[in-house]
Amino acid sequence: MIRGLRGAITIELDKPEFVWDETARLVREVVAANDVTVEDIASIVISTTPDITSAFPARAVRLMEGWQYVPVMCMHEMDVPGALPLCIRVLIHANVEMAQKDVKHIYLNDAIKLRPDLAQAK
């Protein structure tokens, strides 16, 4: 069954190395927490807040060893006043054998503020 595995992370500055390093970190942690392999992944959607423009976060995933065939798409989040700045979100569609309530969603750095209920459950 395909489930959505969510995660979010914030970066310190809008610089390519921060975008790529933190995106890769987030994807690795979501996958590890849910015991998923690259072959289990159908696709990944990555969004950034509009203040991130220096690099495509999808590049980080495409450069991970063995991940070059995973379909990845980037987009910007809605520009809502008061939204958490410098935030990268991922939605990984993966074949997993677990109940929806057992999926582990990962929120790192200041992104913990987005879903403290799920971040605490790790």
PDB file of N, CA and C in Angstrom:
ATOM      1  N   MET A   1       0.844  -1.177   0.000  1.00  0.00           N
ATOM      2  CA  MET A   1       0.000   0.000   0.000  1.00  0.00           C
ATOM      3  C   MET A   1       0.890   1.241   0.000  1.00  0.00           C
ATOM      4  N   ILE A   2       0.487   2.242  -0.740  1.00  0.00           N
ATOM      5  CA  ILE A   2       1.252   3.495  -0.748  1.00  0.00           C
ATOM      6  C   ILE A   2       0.762   4.389   0.384  1.00  0.00           C
ATOM      7  N   ARG A   3       1.720   4.885   1.152  1.00  0.00           N
ATOM      8  CA  ARG A   3       1.443   5.838   2.236  1.00  0.00           C
ATOM      9  C   ARG A   3       2.263   7.097   1.980  1.00  0.00           C
ATOM     10  N   GLY A   4       1.798   8.201   2.532  1.00  0.00           N
ATOM     11  CA  GLY A   4       2.538   9.449   2.485  1.00  0.00           C
ATOM     12  C   GLY A   4       3.370   9.606   3.739  1.00  0.00           C
ATOM     13  N   LEU A   5       4.660   9.789   3.552  1.00  0.00           N
ATOM     14  CA  LEU A   5       5.580  10.010   4.669  1.00  0.00           C
ATOM     15  C   LEU A   5       5.977  11.472   4.639  1.00  0.00           C
ATOM     16  N   ARG A   6       5.666  12.190   5.696  1.00  0.00           N
ATOM     17  CA  ARG A   6       5.887  13.633   5.721  1.00  0.00           C
ATOM     18  C   ARG A   6       7.106  13.996   6.531  1.00  0.00           C
ATOM     19  N   GLY A   7       7.629  15.170   6.206  1.00  0.00           N
ATOM     20  CA  GLY A   7       8.710  15.721   6.989  1.00  0.00           C
ATOM     21  C   GLY A   7       8.944  17.170   6.632  1.00  0.00           C
ATOM     22  N   ALA A   8       9.593  17.883   7.530  1.00  0.00           N
ATOM     23  CA  ALA A   8       9.937  19.281   7.284  1.00  0.00           C
ATOM     24  C   ALA A   8      11.192  19.626   8.074  1.00  0.00           C
ATOM     25  N   ILE A   9      11.914  20.601   7.546  1.00  0.00           N
ATOM     26  CA  ILE A   9      13.147  21.061   8.172  1.00  0.00           C
ATOM     27  C   ILE A   9      13.322  22.530   7.819  1.00  0.00           C
ATOM     28  N   THR A  10      13.964  23.264   8.680  1.00  0.00           N
ATOM     29  CA  THR A  10      14.308  24.646   8.356  1.00  0.00           C
ATOM     30  C   THR A  10      15.807  24.730   8.100  1.00  0.00           C
ATOM     31  N   ILE A  11      16.190  25.767   7.342  1.00  0.00           N
ATOM     32  CA  ILE A  11      17.603  26.011   7.061  1.00  0.00           C
ATOM     33  C   ILE A  11      17.993  27.362   7.644  1.00  0.00           C
ATOM     34  N   GLU A  12      19.275  27.525   7.907  1.00  0.00           N
ATOM     35  CA  GLU A  12      19.764  28.776   8.496  1.00  0.00           C
ATOM     36  C   GLU A  12      19.759  29.923   7.507  1.00  0.00           C
ATOM     37  N   LEU A  13      20.209  29.647   6.275  1.00  0.00           N
ATOM     38  CA  LEU A  13      20.330  30.670   5.237  1.00  0.00           C
ATOM     39  C   LEU A  13      19.918  30.082   3.903  1.00  0.00           C
ATOM     40  N   ASP A  14      19.444  30.936   3.012  1.00  0.00           N
ATOM     41  CA  ASP A  14      19.110  30.493   1.665  1.00  0.00           C
ATOM     42  C   ASP A  14      20.383  30.443   0.820  1.00  0.00           C
ATOM     43  N   LYS A  15      21.131  29.389   0.997  1.00  0.00           N
ATOM     44  CA  LYS A  15      22.352  29.139   0.225  1.00  0.00           C
ATOM     45  C   LYS A  15      22.275  27.697  -0.259  1.00  0.00           C
ATOM     46  N   PRO A  16      22.753  27.424  -1.474  1.00  0.00           N
ATOM     47  CA  PRO A  16      22.625  26.073  -2.029  1.00  0.00           C
ATOM     48  C   PRO A  16      23.089  24.959  -1.096  1.00  0.00           C
ATOM     49  N   GLU A  17      24.216  25.151  -0.435  1.00  0.00           N
ATOM     50  CA  GLU A  17      24.724  24.070   0.413  1.00  0.00           C
ATOM     51  C   GLU A  17      23.773  23.764   1.573  1.00  0.00           C
ATOM     52  N   PHE A  18      23.107  24.774   2.124  1.00  0.00           N
ATOM     53  CA  PHE A  18      22.123  24.537   3.187  1.00  0.00           C
ATOM     54  C   PHE A  18      20.905  23.812   2.621  1.00  0.00           C
ATOM     55  N   VAL A  19      20.431  24.252   1.465  1.00  0.00           N
ATOM     56  CA  VAL A  19      19.268  23.626   0.828  1.00  0.00           C
ATOM     57  C   VAL A  19      19.558  22.149   0.567  1.00  0.00           C
ATOM     58  N   TRP A  20      20.677  21.852  -0.048  1.00  0.00           N
ATOM     59  CA  TRP A  20      20.992  20.471  -0.413  1.00  0.00           C
ATOM     60  C   TRP A  20      21.295  19.604   0.797  1.00  0.00           C
ATOM     61  N   ASP A  21      22.115  20.096   1.715  1.00  0.00           N
ATOM     62  CA  ASP A  21      22.491  19.284   2.877  1.00  0.00           C
ATOM     63  C   ASP A  21      21.291  18.960   3.758  1.00  0.00           C
ATOM     64  N   GLU A  22      20.466  19.951   4.026  1.00  0.00           N
ATOM     65  CA  GLU A  22      19.331  19.727   4.929  1.00  0.00           C
ATOM     66  C   GLU A  22      18.213  18.931   4.254  1.00  0.00           C
ATOM     67  N   THR A  23      18.045  19.088   2.947  1.00  0.00           N
ATOM     68  CA  THR A  23      17.063  18.261   2.239  1.00  0.00           C
ATOM     69  C   THR A  23      17.477  16.798   2.299  1.00  0.00           C
ATOM     70  N   ALA A  24      18.733  16.524   2.010  1.00  0.00           N
ATOM     71  CA  ALA A  24      19.228  15.141   2.062  1.00  0.00           C
ATOM     72  C   ALA A  24      19.084  14.574   3.471  1.00  0.00           C
ATOM     73  N   ARG A  25      19.414  15.374   4.467  1.00  0.00           N
ATOM     74  CA  ARG A  25      19.282  14.931   5.864  1.00  0.00           C
ATOM     75  C   ARG A  25      17.840  14.562   6.172  1.00  0.00           C
ATOM     76  N   LEU A  26      16.908  15.420   5.776  1.00  0.00           N
ATOM     77  CA  LEU A  26      15.494  15.179   6.057  1.00  0.00           C
ATOM     78  C   LEU A  26      15.006  13.913   5.364  1.00  0.00           C
ATOM     79  N   VAL A  27      15.305  13.759   4.088  1.00  0.00           N
ATOM     80  CA  VAL A  27      14.854  12.582   3.351  1.00  0.00           C
ATOM     81  C   VAL A  27      15.430  11.313   3.978  1.00  0.00           C
ATOM     82  N   ARG A  28      16.698  11.325   4.303  1.00  0.00           N
ATOM     83  CA  ARG A  28      17.317  10.144   4.925  1.00  0.00           C
ATOM     84  C   ARG A  28      16.646   9.795   6.259  1.00  0.00           C
ATOM     85  N   GLU A  29      16.336  10.811   7.051  1.00  0.00           N
ATOM     86  CA  GLU A  29      15.727  10.541   8.358  1.00  0.00           C
ATOM     87  C   GLU A  29      14.300  10.023   8.226  1.00  0.00           C
ATOM     88  N   VAL A  30      13.528  10.565   7.285  1.00  0.00           N
ATOM     89  CA  VAL A  30      12.157  10.072   7.070  1.00  0.00           C
ATOM     90  C   VAL A  30      12.197   8.614   6.620  1.00  0.00           C
ATOM     91  N   VAL A  31      13.069   8.313   5.676  1.00  0.00           N
ATOM     92  CA  VAL A  31      13.187   6.954   5.141  1.00  0.00           C
ATOM     93  C   VAL A  31      13.658   5.982   6.236  1.00  0.00           C
ATOM     94  N   ALA A  32      14.653   6.372   6.997  1.00  0.00           N
ATOM     95  CA  ALA A  32      15.169   5.501   8.066  1.00  0.00           C
ATOM     96  C   ALA A  32      14.123   5.252   9.142  1.00  0.00           C
ATOM     97  N   ALA A  33      13.405   6.294   9.529  1.00  0.00           N
ATOM     98  CA  ALA A  33      12.401   6.164  10.593  1.00  0.00           C
ATOM     99  C   ALA A  33      11.277   5.213  10.207  1.00  0.00           C
ATOM    100  N   ASN A  34      11.038   5.087   8.898  1.00  0.00           N
ATOM    101  CA  ASN A  34       9.942   4.250   8.422  1.00  0.00           C
ATOM    102  C   ASN A  34      10.420   2.958   7.763  1.00  0.00           C
ATOM    103  N   ASP A  35      11.716   2.672   7.892  1.00  0.00           N
ATOM    104  CA  ASP A  35      12.303   1.441   7.369  1.00  0.00           C
ATOM    105  C   ASP A  35      11.966   1.243   5.885  1.00  0.00           C
ATOM    106  N   VAL A  36      12.198   2.295   5.104  1.00  0.00           N
ATOM    107  CA  VAL A  36      11.892   2.299   3.674  1.00  0.00           C
ATOM    108  C   VAL A  36      13.202   2.224   2.889  1.00  0.00           C
ATOM    109  N   THR A  37      13.184   1.501   1.777  1.00  0.00           N
ATOM    110  CA  THR A  37      14.323   1.482   0.867  1.00  0.00           C
ATOM    111  C   THR A  37      13.982   2.329  -0.349  1.00  0.00           C
ATOM    112  N   VAL A  38      14.968   2.675  -1.130  1.00  0.00           N
ATOM    113  CA  VAL A  38      14.746   3.499  -2.318  1.00  0.00           C
ATOM    114  C   VAL A  38      13.784   2.801  -3.277  1.00  0.00           C
ATOM    115  N   GLU A  39      13.812   1.488  -3.340  1.00  0.00           N
ATOM    116  CA  GLU A  39      12.912   0.738  -4.231  1.00  0.00           C
ATOM    117  C   GLU A  39      11.458   0.813  -3.783  1.00  0.00           C
ATOM    118  N   ASP A  40      11.217   1.163  -2.527  1.00  0.00           N
ATOM    119  CA  ASP A  40       9.851   1.297  -2.008  1.00  0.00           C
ATOM    120  C   ASP A  40       9.216   2.626  -2.402  1.00  0.00           C
ATOM    121  N   ILE A  41      10.016   3.580  -2.873  1.00  0.00           N
ATOM    122  CA  ILE A  41       9.535   4.944  -3.095  1.00  0.00           C
ATOM    123  C   ILE A  41       8.958   5.101  -4.499  1.00  0.00           C
ATOM    124  N   ALA A  42       7.712   5.598  -4.549  1.00  0.00           N
ATOM    125  CA  ALA A  42       7.055   5.863  -5.830  1.00  0.00           C
ATOM    126  C   ALA A  42       7.418   7.251  -6.347  1.00  0.00           C
ATOM    127  N   SER A  43       7.428   8.245  -5.456  1.00  0.00           N
ATOM    128  CA  SER A  43       7.771   9.616  -5.849  1.00  0.00           C
ATOM    129  C   SER A  43       7.939  10.476  -4.606  1.00  0.00           C
ATOM    130  N   ILE A  44       8.534  11.649  -4.830  1.00  0.00           N
ATOM    131  CA  ILE A  44       8.739  12.605  -3.742  1.00  0.00           C
ATOM    132  C   ILE A  44       8.342  13.993  -4.230  1.00  0.00           C
ATOM    133  N   VAL A  45       7.564  14.684  -3.422  1.00  0.00           N
ATOM    134  CA  VAL A  45       7.228  16.083  -3.670  1.00  0.00           C
ATOM    135  C   VAL A  45       7.928  16.903  -2.590  1.00  0.00           C
ATOM    136  N   ILE A  46       8.658  17.917  -3.022  1.00  0.00           N
ATOM    137  CA  ILE A  46       9.371  18.792  -2.084  1.00  0.00           C
ATOM    138  C   ILE A  46       8.872  20.208  -2.292  1.00  0.00           C
ATOM    139  N   SER A  47       8.515  20.862  -1.201  1.00  0.00           N
ATOM    140  CA  SER A  47       8.131  22.271  -1.298  1.00  0.00           C
ATOM    141  C   SER A  47       9.050  23.099  -0.412  1.00  0.00           C
ATOM    142  N   THR A  48       9.187  24.362  -0.798  1.00  0.00           N
ATOM    143  CA  THR A  48       9.948  25.305   0.015  1.00  0.00           C
ATOM    144  C   THR A  48       9.101  26.549   0.224  1.00  0.00           C
ATOM    145  N   THR A  49       9.386  27.244   1.286  1.00  0.00           N
ATOM    146  CA  THR A  49       8.756  28.542   1.463  1.00  0.00           C
ATOM    147  C   THR A  49       9.323  29.476   0.386  1.00  0.00           C
ATOM    148  N   PRO A  50       8.584  30.529   0.015  1.00  0.00           N
ATOM    149  CA  PRO A  50       9.019  31.399  -1.083  1.00  0.00           C
ATOM    150  C   PRO A  50      10.350  32.117  -0.860  1.00  0.00           C
ATOM    151  N   ASP A  51      10.857  32.098   0.371  1.00  0.00           N
ATOM    152  CA  ASP A  51      12.135  32.756   0.637  1.00  0.00           C
ATOM    153  C   ASP A  51      13.342  31.866   0.304  1.00  0.00           C
ATOM    154  N   ILE A  52      13.096  30.670  -0.199  1.00  0.00           N
ATOM    155  CA  ILE A  52      14.177  29.785  -0.639  1.00  0.00           C
ATOM    156  C   ILE A  52      14.193  29.782  -2.166  1.00  0.00           C
ATOM    157  N   THR A  53      15.235  30.376  -2.722  1.00  0.00           N
ATOM    158  CA  THR A  53      15.333  30.505  -4.175  1.00  0.00           C
ATOM    159  C   THR A  53      16.728  30.176  -4.718  1.00  0.00           C
ATOM    160  N   SER A  54      17.654  29.817  -3.859  1.00  0.00           N
ATOM    161  CA  SER A  54      19.051  29.647  -4.290  1.00  0.00           C
ATOM    162  C   SER A  54      19.329  28.325  -4.993  1.00  0.00           C
ATOM    163  N   ALA A  55      18.496  27.312  -4.756  1.00  0.00           N
ATOM    164  CA  ALA A  55      18.768  25.993  -5.318  1.00  0.00           C
ATOM    165  C   ALA A  55      17.512  25.136  -5.296  1.00  0.00           C
ATOM    166  N   PHE A  56      17.502  24.133  -6.160  1.00  0.00           N
ATOM    167  CA  PHE A  56      16.420  23.149  -6.170  1.00  0.00           C
ATOM    168  C   PHE A  56      16.726  22.054  -5.146  1.00  0.00           C
ATOM    169  N   PRO A  57      15.870  21.856  -4.155  1.00  0.00           N
ATOM    170  CA  PRO A  57      16.131  20.797  -3.183  1.00  0.00           C
ATOM    171  C   PRO A  57      16.117  19.399  -3.812  1.00  0.00           C
ATOM    172  N   ALA A  58      15.398  19.222  -4.903  1.00  0.00           N
ATOM    173  CA  ALA A  58      15.350  17.912  -5.562  1.00  0.00           C
ATOM    174  C   ALA A  58      16.729  17.440  -5.983  1.00  0.00           C
ATOM    175  N   ARG A  59      17.611  18.359  -6.269  1.00  0.00           N
ATOM    176  CA  ARG A  59      18.984  18.000  -6.665  1.00  0.00           C
ATOM    177  C   ARG A  59      19.654  17.166  -5.582  1.00  0.00           C
ATOM    178  N   ALA A  60      19.386  17.489  -4.332  1.00  0.00           N
ATOM    179  CA  ALA A  60      19.978  16.735  -3.223  1.00  0.00           C
ATOM    180  C   ALA A  60      19.562  15.269  -3.280  1.00  0.00           C
ATOM    181  N   VAL A  61      18.303  15.023  -3.597  1.00  0.00           N
ATOM    182  CA  VAL A  61      17.808  13.648  -3.672  1.00  0.00           C
ATOM    183  C   VAL A  61      18.410  12.941  -4.882  1.00  0.00           C
ATOM    184  N   ARG A  62      18.431  13.618  -6.013  1.00  0.00           N
ATOM    185  CA  ARG A  62      18.958  13.002  -7.238  1.00  0.00           C
ATOM    186  C   ARG A  62      20.434  12.642  -7.130  1.00  0.00           C
ATOM    187  N   LEU A  63      21.169  13.336  -6.266  1.00  0.00           N
ATOM    188  CA  LEU A  63      22.597  13.060  -6.096  1.00  0.00           C
ATOM    189  C   LEU A  63      22.889  11.994  -5.040  1.00  0.00           C
ATOM    190  N   MET A  64      21.851  11.574  -4.309  1.00  0.00           N
ATOM    191  CA  MET A  64      22.051  10.512  -3.322  1.00  0.00           C
ATOM    192  C   MET A  64      22.290   9.201  -4.069  1.00  0.00           C
ATOM    193  N   GLU A  65      23.252   8.435  -3.618  1.00  0.00           N
ATOM    194  CA  GLU A  65      23.606   7.197  -4.314  1.00  0.00           C
ATOM    195  C   GLU A  65      22.410   6.250  -4.404  1.00  0.00           C
ATOM    196  N   GLY A  66      22.091   5.845  -5.647  1.00  0.00           N
ATOM    197  CA  GLY A  66      20.990   4.921  -5.891  1.00  0.00           C
ATOM    198  C   GLY A  66      19.629   5.576  -6.042  1.00  0.00           C
ATOM    199  N   TRP A  67      19.554   6.895  -5.923  1.00  0.00           N
ATOM    200  CA  TRP A  67      18.269   7.596  -5.949  1.00  0.00           C
ATOM    201  C   TRP A  67      17.985   8.288  -7.283  1.00  0.00           C
ATOM    202  N   GLN A  68      18.834   8.147  -8.273  1.00  0.00           N
ATOM    203  CA  GLN A  68      18.703   8.926  -9.497  1.00  0.00           C
ATOM    204  C   GLN A  68      17.425   8.631 -10.288  1.00  0.00           C
ATOM    205  N   TYR A  69      16.767   7.504 -10.039  1.00  0.00           N
ATOM    206  CA  TYR A  69      15.550   7.165 -10.791  1.00  0.00           C
ATOM    207  C   TYR A  69      14.265   7.490 -10.044  1.00  0.00           C
ATOM    208  N   VAL A  70      14.370   8.013  -8.832  1.00  0.00           N
ATOM    209  CA  VAL A  70      13.178   8.381  -8.066  1.00  0.00           C
ATOM    210  C   VAL A  70      12.607   9.677  -8.637  1.00  0.00           C
ATOM    211  N   PRO A  71      11.333   9.688  -9.036  1.00  0.00           N
ATOM    212  CA  PRO A  71      10.730  10.931  -9.518  1.00  0.00           C
ATOM    213  C   PRO A  71      10.601  11.942  -8.369  1.00  0.00           C
ATOM    214  N   VAL A  72      11.144  13.129  -8.592  1.00  0.00           N
ATOM    215  CA  VAL A  72      11.136  14.178  -7.567  1.00  0.00           C
ATOM    216  C   VAL A  72      10.663  15.471  -8.206  1.00  0.00           C
ATOM    217  N   MET A  73       9.803  16.201  -7.511  1.00  0.00           N
ATOM    218  CA  MET A  73       9.312  17.483  -8.004  1.00  0.00           C
ATOM    219  C   MET A  73       9.380  18.526  -6.894  1.00  0.00           C
ATOM    220  N   CYS A  74       9.783  19.734  -7.268  1.00  0.00           N
ATOM    221  CA  CYS A  74       9.859  20.850  -6.318  1.00  0.00           C
ATOM    222  C   CYS A  74       8.790  21.889  -6.629  1.00  0.00           C
ATOM    223  N   MET A  75       8.384  22.596  -5.603  1.00  0.00           N
ATOM    224  CA  MET A  75       7.450  23.708  -5.756  1.00  0.00           C
ATOM    225  C   MET A  75       7.543  24.597  -4.524  1.00  0.00           C
ATOM    226  N   HIS A  76       6.932  25.783  -4.630  1.00  0.00           N
ATOM    227  CA  HIS A  76       6.870  26.681  -3.473  1.00  0.00           C
ATOM    228  C   HIS A  76       5.564  26.487  -2.718  1.00  0.00           C
ATOM    229  N   GLU A  77       5.640  26.651  -1.412  1.00  0.00           N
ATOM    230  CA  GLU A  77       4.454  26.678  -0.553  1.00  0.00           C
ATOM    231  C   GLU A  77       3.700  27.984  -0.783  1.00  0.00           C
ATOM    232  N   MET A  78       2.495  28.037  -0.314  1.00  0.00           N
ATOM    233  CA  MET A  78       1.738  29.286  -0.347  1.00  0.00           C
ATOM    234  C   MET A  78       2.459  30.331   0.492  1.00  0.00           C
ATOM    235  N   ASP A  79       2.367  31.579   0.089  1.00  0.00           N
ATOM    236  CA  ASP A  79       3.020  32.675   0.798  1.00  0.00           C
ATOM    237  C   ASP A  79       2.026  33.265   1.802  1.00  0.00           C
ATOM    238  N   VAL A  80       1.915  32.631   2.946  1.00  0.00           N
ATOM    239  CA  VAL A  80       0.957  33.025   3.975  1.00  0.00           C
ATOM    240  C   VAL A  80       1.666  33.885   5.017  1.00  0.00           C
ATOM    241  N   PRO A  81       1.111  35.044   5.346  1.00  0.00           N
ATOM    242  CA  PRO A  81       1.740  35.893   6.367  1.00  0.00           C
ATOM    243  C   PRO A  81       1.928  35.132   7.684  1.00  0.00           C
ATOM    244  N   GLY A  82       3.096  35.280   8.271  1.00  0.00           N
ATOM    245  CA  GLY A  82       3.390  34.645   9.548  1.00  0.00           C
ATOM    246  C   GLY A  82       3.848  33.196   9.439  1.00  0.00           C
ATOM    247  N   ALA A  83       3.969  32.674   8.220  1.00  0.00           N
ATOM    248  CA  ALA A  83       4.401  31.282   8.056  1.00  0.00           C
ATOM    249  C   ALA A  83       5.858  31.125   8.488  1.00  0.00           C
ATOM    250  N   LEU A  84       6.202  29.921   8.865  1.00  0.00           N
ATOM    251  CA  LEU A  84       7.575  29.602   9.264  1.00  0.00           C
ATOM    252  C   LEU A  84       8.508  29.847   8.084  1.00  0.00           C
ATOM    253  N   PRO A  85       9.535  30.684   8.255  1.00  0.00           N
ATOM    254  CA  PRO A  85      10.442  30.984   7.132  1.00  0.00           C
ATOM    255  C   PRO A  85      11.488  29.891   6.902  1.00  0.00           C
ATOM    256  N   LEU A  86      12.077  29.919   5.716  1.00  0.00           N
ATOM    257  CA  LEU A  86      13.194  29.052   5.337  1.00  0.00           C
ATOM    258  C   LEU A  86      12.910  27.582   5.645  1.00  0.00           C
ATOM    259  N   CYS A  87      11.750  27.132   5.201  1.00  0.00           N
ATOM    260  CA  CYS A  87      11.295  25.777   5.510  1.00  0.00           C
ATOM    261  C   CYS A  87      11.195  24.931   4.240  1.00  0.00           C
ATOM    262  N   ILE A  88      11.700  23.722   4.343  1.00  0.00           N
ATOM    263  CA  ILE A  88      11.620  22.725   3.273  1.00  0.00           C
ATOM    264  C   ILE A  88      10.739  21.592   3.787  1.00  0.00           C
ATOM    265  N   ARG A  89       9.743  21.225   2.979  1.00  0.00           N
ATOM    266  CA  ARG A  89       8.844  20.129   3.348  1.00  0.00           C
ATOM    267  C   ARG A  89       8.960  19.020   2.317  1.00  0.00           C
ATOM    268  N   VAL A  90       8.829  17.781   2.759  1.00  0.00           N
ATOM    269  CA  VAL A  90       8.815  16.653   1.834  1.00  0.00           C
ATOM    270  C   VAL A  90       7.569  15.808   2.054  1.00  0.00           C
ATOM    271  N   LEU A  91       7.092  15.232   0.967  1.00  0.00           N
ATOM    272  CA  LEU A  91       6.027  14.241   0.998  1.00  0.00           C
ATOM    273  C   LEU A  91       6.532  13.084   0.146  1.00  0.00           C
ATOM    274  N   ILE A  92       6.869  11.996   0.807  1.00  0.00           N
ATOM    275  CA  ILE A  92       7.399  10.820   0.133  1.00  0.00           C
ATOM    276  C   ILE A  92       6.272   9.808   0.008  1.00  0.00           C
ATOM    277  N   HIS A  93       5.974   9.415  -1.228  1.00  0.00           N
ATOM    278  CA  HIS A  93       4.970   8.381  -1.485  1.00  0.00           C
ATOM    279  C   HIS A  93       5.711   7.051  -1.553  1.00  0.00           C
ATOM    280  N   ALA A  94       5.438   6.170  -0.590  1.00  0.00           N
ATOM    281  CA  ALA A  94       6.196   4.922  -0.502  1.00  0.00           C
ATOM    282  C   ALA A  94       5.291   3.728  -0.253  1.00  0.00           C
ATOM    283  N   ASN A  95       5.701   2.595  -0.793  1.00  0.00           N
ATOM    284  CA  ASN A  95       5.019   1.325  -0.533  1.00  0.00           C
ATOM    285  C   ASN A  95       5.484   0.814   0.816  1.00  0.00           C
ATOM    286  N   VAL A  96       4.583   0.811   1.764  1.00  0.00           N
ATOM    287  CA  VAL A  96       4.907   0.335   3.109  1.00  0.00           C
ATOM    288  C   VAL A  96       3.766  -0.533   3.619  1.00  0.00           C
ATOM    289  N   GLU A  97       4.104  -1.438   4.492  1.00  0.00           N
ATOM    290  CA  GLU A  97       3.103  -2.310   5.104  1.00  0.00           C
ATOM    291  C   GLU A  97       2.914  -1.883   6.555  1.00  0.00           C
ATOM    292  N   MET A  98       2.251  -0.742   6.739  1.00  0.00           N
ATOM    293  CA  MET A  98       1.978  -0.276   8.099  1.00  0.00           C
ATOM    294  C   MET A  98       0.690   0.537   8.085  1.00  0.00           C
ATOM    295  N   ALA A  99       0.065   0.603   9.221  1.00  0.00           N
ATOM    296  CA  ALA A  99      -1.146   1.408   9.357  1.00  0.00           C
ATOM    297  C   ALA A  99      -0.779   2.890   9.296  1.00  0.00           C
ATOM    298  N   GLN A 100      -1.705   3.701   8.855  1.00  0.00           N
ATOM    299  CA  GLN A 100      -1.477   5.146   8.755  1.00  0.00           C
ATOM    300  C   GLN A 100      -0.984   5.725  10.079  1.00  0.00           C
ATOM    301  N   LYS A 101      -1.548   5.254  11.174  1.00  0.00           N
ATOM    302  CA  LYS A 101      -1.172   5.785  12.496  1.00  0.00           C
ATOM    303  C   LYS A 101       0.254   5.418  12.898  1.00  0.00           C
ATOM    304  N   ASP A 102       0.839   4.440  12.224  1.00  0.00           N
ATOM    305  CA  ASP A 102       2.187   4.002  12.564  1.00  0.00           C
ATOM    306  C   ASP A 102       3.277   4.676  11.739  1.00  0.00           C
ATOM    307  N   VAL A 103       2.885   5.459  10.740  1.00  0.00           N
ATOM    308  CA  VAL A 103       3.871   6.181   9.930  1.00  0.00           C
ATOM    309  C   VAL A 103       4.551   7.221  10.819  1.00  0.00           C
ATOM    310  N   LYS A 104       5.863   7.321  10.696  1.00  0.00           N
ATOM    311  CA  LYS A 104       6.626   8.297  11.485  1.00  0.00           C
ATOM    312  C   LYS A 104       6.958   9.491  10.600  1.00  0.00           C
ATOM    313  N   HIS A 105       6.382  10.627  10.926  1.00  0.00           N
ATOM    314  CA  HIS A 105       6.646  11.869  10.218  1.00  0.00           C
ATOM    315  C   HIS A 105       7.740  12.609  10.985  1.00  0.00           C
ATOM    316  N   ILE A 106       8.680  13.202  10.263  1.00  0.00           N
ATOM    317  CA  ILE A 106       9.875  13.770  10.890  1.00  0.00           C
ATOM    318  C   ILE A 106       9.906  15.287  10.709  1.00  0.00           C
ATOM    319  N   TYR A 107      10.050  15.999  11.806  1.00  0.00           N
ATOM    320  CA  TYR A 107      10.140  17.461  11.795  1.00  0.00           C
ATOM    321  C   TYR A 107      11.410  17.864  12.531  1.00  0.00           C
ATOM    322  N   LEU A 108      12.290  18.576  11.828  1.00  0.00           N
ATOM    323  CA  LEU A 108      13.609  18.896  12.362  1.00  0.00           C
ATOM    324  C   LEU A 108      13.843  20.404  12.428  1.00  0.00           C
ATOM    325  N   ASN A 109      14.774  20.790  13.282  1.00  0.00           N
ATOM    326  CA  ASN A 109      15.123  22.199  13.494  1.00  0.00           C
ATOM    327  C   ASN A 109      13.860  22.956  13.918  1.00  0.00           C
ATOM    328  N   ASP A 110      13.653  24.157  13.419  1.00  0.00           N
ATOM    329  CA  ASP A 110      12.472  24.929  13.817  1.00  0.00           C
ATOM    330  C   ASP A 110      11.163  24.382  13.255  1.00  0.00           C
ATOM    331  N   ALA A 111      11.244  23.441  12.316  1.00  0.00           N
ATOM    332  CA  ALA A 111      10.028  22.858  11.739  1.00  0.00           C
ATOM    333  C   ALA A 111       9.238  22.044  12.757  1.00  0.00           C
ATOM    334  N   ILE A 112       9.832  21.732  13.878  1.00  0.00           N
ATOM    335  CA  ILE A 112       9.101  21.046  14.952  1.00  0.00           C
ATOM    336  C   ILE A 112       7.852  21.848  15.329  1.00  0.00           C
ATOM    337  N   LYS A 113       7.919  23.172  15.174  1.00  0.00           N
ATOM    338  CA  LYS A 113       6.787  24.039  15.500  1.00  0.00           C
ATOM    339  C   LYS A 113       5.564  23.753  14.632  1.00  0.00           C
ATOM    340  N   LEU A 114       5.782  23.181  13.445  1.00  0.00           N
ATOM    341  CA  LEU A 114       4.672  22.919  12.534  1.00  0.00           C
ATOM    342  C   LEU A 114       3.750  21.819  13.043  1.00  0.00           C
ATOM    343  N   ARG A 115       4.323  20.774  13.607  1.00  0.00           N
ATOM    344  CA  ARG A 115       3.541  19.641  14.098  1.00  0.00           C
ATOM    345  C   ARG A 115       4.142  19.093  15.377  1.00  0.00           C
ATOM    346  N   PRO A 116       4.056  19.855  16.467  1.00  0.00           N
ATOM    347  CA  PRO A 116       4.651  19.354  17.709  1.00  0.00           C
ATOM    348  C   PRO A 116       4.036  18.031  18.163  1.00  0.00           C
ATOM    349  N   ASP A 117       2.788  17.795  17.796  1.00  0.00           N
ATOM    350  CA  ASP A 117       2.144  16.536  18.161  1.00  0.00           C
ATOM    351  C   ASP A 117       2.834  15.340  17.506  1.00  0.00           C
ATOM    352  N   LEU A 118       3.251  15.491  16.248  1.00  0.00           N
ATOM    353  CA  LEU A 118       3.945  14.403  15.557  1.00  0.00           C
ATOM    354  C   LEU A 118       5.421  14.375  15.885  1.00  0.00           C
ATOM    355  N   ALA A 119       6.026  15.512  16.069  1.00  0.00           N
ATOM    356  CA  ALA A 119       7.452  15.566  16.386  1.00  0.00           C
ATOM    357  C   ALA A 119       7.729  14.901  17.729  1.00  0.00           C
ATOM    358  N   GLN A 120       6.821  15.040  18.669  1.00  0.00           N
ATOM    359  CA  GLN A 120       6.991  14.453  19.984  1.00  0.00           C
ATOM    360  C   GLN A 120       6.889  12.930  19.940  1.00  0.00           C
ATOM    361  N   ALA A 121       6.171  12.413  18.947  1.00  0.00           N
ATOM    362  CA  ALA A 121       5.895  10.977  18.883  1.00  0.00           C
ATOM    363  C   ALA A 121       7.050  10.149  18.367  1.00  0.00           C
ATOM    364  N   LYS A 122       8.151  10.780  17.961  1.00  0.00           N
ATOM    365  CA  LYS A 122       9.266  10.033  17.376  1.00  0.00           C
ATOM    366  C   LYS A 122       9.850   9.041  18.338  1.00  0.00           C
TER     367      LYS A 122
END
